[in-house]
C-alpha atoms as a PDB file:
ATOM      1  CA  UNK A   1     141.519 -79.491 -92.740  1.00  0.00           C
ATOM      2  CA  UNK A   2     138.633 -77.195 -93.629  1.00  0.00           C
ATOM      3  CA  UNK A   3     135.944 -75.474 -91.571  1.00  0.00           C
ATOM      4  CA  UNK A   4     132.827 -74.376 -93.472  1.00  0.00           C
ATOM      5  CA  UNK A   5     130.515 -72.093 -91.543  1.00  0.00           C
ATOM      6  CA  UNK A   6     126.814 -72.862 -91.579  1.00  0.00           C
ATOM      7  CA  UNK A   7     124.744 -70.051 -93.031  1.00  0.00           C
ATOM      8  CA  UNK A   8     123.759 -68.269 -96.222  1.00  0.00           C
ATOM      9  CA  UNK A   9     127.213 -66.850 -97.049  1.00  0.00           C
ATOM     10  CA  UNK A  10     129.704 -69.235 -95.451  1.00  0.00           C
ATOM     11  CA  UNK A  11     133.313 -68.149 -95.089  1.00  0.00           C
ATOM     12  CA  UNK A  12     135.538 -71.234 -95.181  1.00  0.00           C
ATOM     13  CA  UNK A  13     138.818 -71.538 -93.317  1.00  0.00           C
ATOM     14  CA  UNK A  14     141.670 -73.917 -94.037  1.00  0.00           C
ATOM     15  CA  UNK A  15     144.721 -75.239 -92.246  1.00  0.00           C
ATOM     16  CA  UNK A  16     147.533 -77.730 -92.758  1.00  0.00           C
ATOM     17  CA  UNK A  17     148.479 -80.045 -89.922  1.00  0.00           C
ATOM     18  CA  UNK A  18     151.962 -80.143 -88.480  1.00  0.00           C
ATOM     19  CA  UNK A  19     153.793 -83.312 -87.375  1.00  0.00           C
ATOM     20  CA  UNK A  20     151.667 -83.441 -84.199  1.00  0.00           C
ATOM     21  CA  UNK A  21     148.394 -83.125 -86.155  1.00  0.00           C
ATOM     22  CA  UNK A  22     147.764 -79.514 -85.098  1.00  0.00           C
ATOM     23  CA  UNK A  23     146.314 -77.107 -87.678  1.00  0.00           C
ATOM     24  CA  UNK A  24     146.137 -73.305 -87.488  1.00  0.00           C
ATOM     25  CA  UNK A  25     143.153 -72.132 -89.468  1.00  0.00           C
ATOM     26  CA  UNK A  26     143.046 -69.191 -91.915  1.00  0.00           C
ATOM     27  CA  UNK A  27     140.403 -67.631 -94.101  1.00  0.00           C
ATOM     28  CA  UNK A  28     141.295 -65.984 -97.400  1.00  0.00           C
ATOM     29  CA  UNK A  29     141.746 -62.679 -95.573  1.00  0.00           C
ATOM     30  CA  UNK A  30     142.702 -63.366 -91.929  1.00  0.00           C
ATOM     31  CA  UNK A  31     144.113 -65.866 -89.443  1.00  0.00           C
ATOM     32  CA  UNK A  32     141.602 -68.034 -87.607  1.00  0.00           C
ATOM     33  CA  UNK A  33     138.052 -69.134 -88.383  1.00  0.00           C
ATOM     34  CA  UNK A  34     134.834 -67.126 -88.357  1.00  0.00           C
ATOM     35  CA  UNK A  35     132.819 -67.343 -85.116  1.00  0.00           C
ATOM     36  CA  UNK A  36     129.970 -69.843 -85.361  1.00  0.00           C
ATOM     37  CA  UNK A  37     129.191 -73.482 -86.012  1.00  0.00           C
ATOM     38  CA  UNK A  38     131.205 -75.137 -88.766  1.00  0.00           C
ATOM     39  CA  UNK A  39     131.120 -78.416 -90.636  1.00  0.00           C
ATOM     40  CA  UNK A  40     134.629 -79.868 -90.606  1.00  0.00           C
ATOM     41  CA  UNK A  41     136.412 -81.901 -93.258  1.00  0.00           C
ATOM     42  CA  UNK A  42     139.820 -83.501 -92.841  1.00  0.00           C
ATOM     43  CA  UNK A  43     142.031 -85.108 -95.460  1.00  0.00           C
ATOM     44  CA  UNK A  44     145.601 -86.341 -95.291  1.00  0.00           C
ATOM     45  CA  UNK A  45     147.202 -88.102 -98.225  1.00  0.00           C
ATOM     46  CA  UNK A  46     150.581 -89.328 -99.336  1.00  0.00           C
ATOM     47  CA  UNK A  47     151.419 -89.523-103.044  1.00  0.00           C
ATOM     48  CA  UNK A  48     153.907 -92.072-104.337  1.00  0.00           C
ATOM     49  CA  UNK A  49     155.216 -92.469-107.859  1.00  0.00           C
ATOM     50  CA  UNK A  50     154.535 -90.243-110.831  1.00  0.00           C
ATOM     51  CA  UNK A  51     157.080 -87.912-112.431  1.00  0.00           C
ATOM     52  CA  UNK A  52     160.120 -87.683-110.176  1.00  0.00           C
ATOM     53  CA  UNK A  53     162.655 -85.694-112.233  1.00  0.00           C
ATOM     54  CA  UNK A  54     162.645 -82.518-114.293  1.00  0.00           C
ATOM     55  CA  UNK A  55     162.469 -82.963-118.072  1.00  0.00           C
ATOM     56  CA  UNK A  56     166.047 -81.654-118.412  1.00  0.00           C
ATOM     57  CA  UNK A  57     167.404 -84.184-115.919  1.00  0.00           C
ATOM     58  CA  UNK A  58     169.237 -87.302-117.141  1.00  0.00           C
ATOM     59  CA  UNK A  59     167.000 -89.237-114.699  1.00  0.00           C
ATOM     60  CA  UNK A  60     163.844 -88.073-116.491  1.00  0.00           C
ATOM     61  CA  UNK A  61     161.462 -90.902-117.416  1.00  0.00           C
ATOM     62  CA  UNK A  62     159.030 -89.853-120.166  1.00  0.00           C
ATOM     63  CA  UNK A  63     156.709 -92.718-119.211  1.00  0.00           C
ATOM     64  CA  UNK A  64     156.683 -92.812-115.399  1.00  0.00           C
ATOM     65  CA  UNK A  65     154.428 -95.134-113.450  1.00  0.00           C
ATOM     66  CA  UNK A  66     151.181 -93.451-112.425  1.00  0.00           C
ATOM     67  CA  UNK A  67     151.091 -91.721-109.076  1.00  0.00           C
ATOM     68  CA  UNK A  68     149.354 -93.631-106.296  1.00  0.00           C
ATOM     69  CA  UNK A  69     147.499 -91.677-103.614  1.00  0.00           C
ATOM     70  CA  UNK A  70     147.344 -93.267-100.179  1.00  0.00           C
ATOM     71  CA  UNK A  71     144.694 -91.899 -97.797  1.00  0.00           C
ATOM     72  CA  UNK A  72     146.143 -91.602 -94.293  1.00  0.00           C
ATOM     73  CA  UNK A  73     142.762 -90.598 -92.818  1.00  0.00           C
ATOM     74  CA  UNK A  74     139.537 -92.471 -93.674  1.00  0.00           C
ATOM     75  CA  UNK A  75     138.078 -90.851 -96.804  1.00  0.00           C
ATOM     76  CA  UNK A  76     134.667 -90.242 -95.225  1.00  0.00           C
ATOM     77  CA  UNK A  77     136.164 -87.347 -93.232  1.00  0.00           C
ATOM     78  CA  UNK A  78     137.067 -85.499 -96.440  1.00  0.00           C
ATOM     79  CA  UNK A  79     133.459 -84.757 -97.452  1.00  0.00           C
ATOM     80  CA  UNK A  80     130.970 -82.490 -95.672  1.00  0.00           C
ATOM     81  CA  UNK A  81     128.193 -84.988 -96.404  1.00  0.00           C
ATOM     82  CA  UNK A  82     129.946 -87.866 -94.628  1.00  0.00           C
ATOM     83  CA  UNK A  83     132.433 -86.425 -92.120  1.00  0.00           C
ATOM     84  CA  UNK A  84     129.941 -85.900 -89.275  1.00  0.00           C
ATOM     85  CA  UNK A  85     132.452 -83.503 -87.717  1.00  0.00           C
ATOM     86  CA  UNK A  86     131.539 -80.061 -86.381  1.00  0.00           C
ATOM     87  CA  UNK A  87     133.285 -77.269 -84.493  1.00  0.00           C
ATOM     88  CA  UNK A  88     131.713 -74.387 -82.606  1.00  0.00           C
ATOM     89  CA  UNK A  89     134.152 -71.463 -82.863  1.00  0.00           C
ATOM     90  CA  UNK A  90     133.719 -68.997 -79.989  1.00  0.00           C
ATOM     91  CA  UNK A  91     134.382 -65.265 -79.941  1.00  0.00           C
ATOM     92  CA  UNK A  92     136.878 -65.561 -77.083  1.00  0.00           C
ATOM     93  CA  UNK A  93     138.833 -68.170 -75.215  1.00  0.00           C
ATOM     94  CA  UNK A  94     140.796 -71.059 -76.637  1.00  0.00           C
ATOM     95  CA  UNK A  95     139.288 -72.582 -79.757  1.00  0.00           C
ATOM     96  CA  UNK A  96     140.975 -75.963 -79.680  1.00  0.00           C
ATOM     97  CA  UNK A  97     139.247 -79.000 -81.135  1.00  0.00           C
ATOM     98  CA  UNK A  98     140.175 -82.691 -81.136  1.00  0.00           C
ATOM     99  CA  UNK A  99     138.621 -85.056 -83.653  1.00  0.00           C
ATOM    100  CA  UNK A 100     138.577 -88.827 -83.215  1.00  0.00           C
ATOM    101  CA  UNK A 101     139.094 -90.092 -86.779  1.00  0.00           C
ATOM    102  CA  UNK A 102     138.138 -93.738 -86.518  1.00  0.00           C
ATOM    103  CA  UNK A 103     136.425 -95.688 -89.249  1.00  0.00           C
END
């Protein structure tokens, strides 16, 4: 998940979701997101296939099948231009946001 602040010098924040879908945001220098209105992007993928063993392993396959990426969230939410998601981060109080990710 990414929050990108609107403005001339946006400071993005990023977070990985846990098993319950909760993300704790961080910027490159601090925990949390910068106060203000943000465009939100969300991606969640699962990769299957591709190289599975180290080159020194007896199970190493020099010609593995290509990796296949499965999108677990509709792809439109992964781009600022198409996500349509926003978050208004406040200076105080709980900053908890829920996003309905339907296609």
